[in-house]
Amino acid sequence: MGNCEIIPQQIAGGEAEKSSRAKVKYLPTKVCQGLLFVYAGKVENAAETPIPTVDVLDKNSDDWICLNTFRDLPYDALTLMENVLDSSHIPYTHHRSVGNRANVSPVQL
C-alpha cells in the first residue's frame, strides 16, 4: 500500500493525509518521454511490458516541442475520455481559440 503524504488542495491545517483511508494500492510507474506511465496489470509483468512511446521523439527530441497544459475541472472519467481523446472535435468546438474550422481534416489515431 502507498501512503498519502500531502493533499495540495486541502484546507490549511487539515490532516486528511494522516487518515487510514488515505492509502492506495501501489502500482509500478516509469517516466518516459516526459510522461508518467502507470502499469495497472500484474506487478510481475510490468518490467516486460513495453511502454507505448513515439519513436520520433527519441530520435529527434530537439526538433519537437511538447506543451503541457493542466486544468482542474469537475469531470467524470467518461466525459474526460470522450473530450480529451477525441482530437477531431478541436477544430469545431474550439474554433478561434486553439482550433480553426478551415483546417478540418480526417484524423488518424
Protein backbone atom coordinates (compact mmCIF):
# COMPACT_ATOMS: atom_id res chain seq x y z
CA MET A 1 0.00 0.00 0.00
CA GLY A 2 1.10 3.54 -0.71
CA ASN A 3 0.88 6.28 1.89
CA CYS A 4 -0.53 9.73 1.22
CA GLU A 5 1.98 12.43 2.15
CA ILE A 6 0.25 15.64 1.06
CA ILE A 7 -3.11 16.81 -0.30
CA PRO A 8 -2.36 20.05 -2.21
CA GLN A 9 -5.98 21.28 -2.29
CA GLN A 10 -6.60 20.60 1.39
CA ILE A 11 -7.66 23.49 3.64
CA ALA A 12 -4.71 24.91 5.61
CA GLY A 13 -4.23 23.00 8.85
CA GLY A 14 -6.10 19.93 7.61
CA GLU A 15 -4.67 16.50 8.29
CA ALA A 16 -6.69 14.23 5.97
CA GLU A 17 -3.45 12.69 4.65
CA LYS A 18 -3.00 11.03 8.07
CA SER A 19 -6.29 9.15 7.78
CA SER A 20 -6.12 5.36 7.44
CA ARG A 21 -8.40 5.79 4.40
CA ALA A 22 -5.75 7.91 2.62
CA LYS A 23 -3.97 4.90 1.13
CA VAL A 24 -3.92 3.40 -2.33
CA LYS A 25 -2.62 0.24 -3.93
CA TYR A 26 0.95 0.67 -5.19
CA LEU A 27 1.33 0.49 -8.98
CA PRO A 28 4.62 0.33 -10.93
CA THR A 29 5.46 3.59 -12.69
CA LYS A 30 8.04 4.87 -15.15
CA VAL A 31 8.73 8.29 -16.68
CA CYS A 32 9.40 8.15 -20.42
CA GLN A 33 9.45 11.00 -22.94
CA GLY A 34 8.38 13.36 -20.18
CA LEU A 35 5.21 11.39 -19.40
CA LEU A 36 4.34 9.30 -16.37
CA PHE A 37 3.26 5.75 -17.28
CA VAL A 38 1.41 3.64 -14.71
CA TYR A 39 1.20 -0.13 -15.14
CA ALA A 40 -2.14 -1.36 -13.81
CA GLY A 41 -1.66 -5.05 -14.57
CA LYS A 42 0.10 -7.73 -12.52
CA VAL A 43 3.18 -6.19 -10.89
CA GLU A 44 5.42 -9.05 -12.02
CA ASN A 45 4.63 -8.28 -15.70
CA ALA A 46 5.48 -4.57 -15.55
CA ALA A 47 9.18 -4.90 -16.45
CA GLU A 48 8.44 -6.98 -19.58
CA THR A 49 5.61 -4.76 -20.87
CA PRO A 50 6.77 -2.22 -23.49
CA ILE A 51 5.85 1.41 -22.99
CA PRO A 52 3.93 2.86 -25.97
CA THR A 53 6.29 5.66 -26.95
CA VAL A 54 6.53 7.82 -30.06
CA ASP A 55 9.81 6.78 -31.68
CA VAL A 56 10.48 10.10 -33.45
CA LEU A 57 10.55 11.85 -30.07
CA ASP A 58 13.51 9.65 -29.08
CA LYS A 59 15.35 10.10 -32.38
CA ASN A 60 14.94 13.87 -32.81
CA SER A 61 14.00 15.12 -29.36
CA ASP A 62 15.47 18.58 -30.03
CA ASP A 63 13.17 19.04 -33.04
CA TRP A 64 9.98 18.64 -31.00
CA ILE A 65 8.21 20.89 -28.54
CA CYS A 66 5.81 19.27 -26.10
CA LEU A 67 3.39 21.59 -24.33
CA ASN A 68 1.89 20.56 -21.02
CA THR A 69 -1.49 22.02 -20.14
CA PHE A 70 -3.25 21.21 -16.90
CA ARG A 71 -6.72 22.23 -15.73
CA ASP A 72 -8.68 21.25 -12.65
CA LEU A 73 -12.20 20.51 -13.91
CA PRO A 74 -15.11 18.60 -12.33
CA TYR A 75 -15.07 15.85 -14.99
CA ASP A 76 -16.11 12.26 -14.60
CA ALA A 77 -13.84 9.70 -16.33
CA LEU A 78 -16.15 9.05 -19.29
CA THR A 79 -16.56 12.74 -20.13
CA LEU A 80 -12.82 13.25 -19.86
CA MET A 81 -12.05 10.33 -22.18
CA GLU A 82 -14.64 11.39 -24.72
CA ASN A 83 -13.44 15.00 -24.73
CA VAL A 84 -9.67 14.71 -24.46
CA LEU A 85 -9.16 11.58 -26.57
CA ASP A 86 -11.38 12.83 -29.39
CA SER A 87 -8.91 15.18 -31.06
CA SER A 88 -11.20 15.56 -34.07
CA HIS A 89 -13.51 17.84 -32.06
CA ILE A 90 -10.88 20.58 -31.64
CA PRO A 91 -11.34 22.45 -34.97
CA TYR A 92 -15.11 22.55 -34.47
CA THR A 93 -15.56 23.10 -30.75
CA HIS A 94 -12.55 25.35 -30.16
CA HIS A 95 -12.79 27.47 -33.35
CA ARG A 96 -10.90 30.77 -32.95
CA SER A 97 -9.12 29.67 -29.77
CA VAL A 98 -6.95 26.55 -30.27
CA GLY A 99 -8.83 25.32 -33.33
CA ASN A 100 -9.79 26.60 -36.77
CA ARG A 101 -12.65 25.14 -38.82
CA ALA A 102 -10.73 25.90 -42.03
CA ASN A 103 -8.18 23.27 -41.02
CA VAL A 104 -10.63 20.38 -40.62
CA SER A 105 -9.37 17.09 -41.98
CA PRO A 106 -9.65 13.38 -41.14
CA VAL A 107 -7.76 12.35 -38.01
CA GLN A 108 -5.94 9.04 -37.94
CA LEU A 109 -5.40 7.68 -34.44
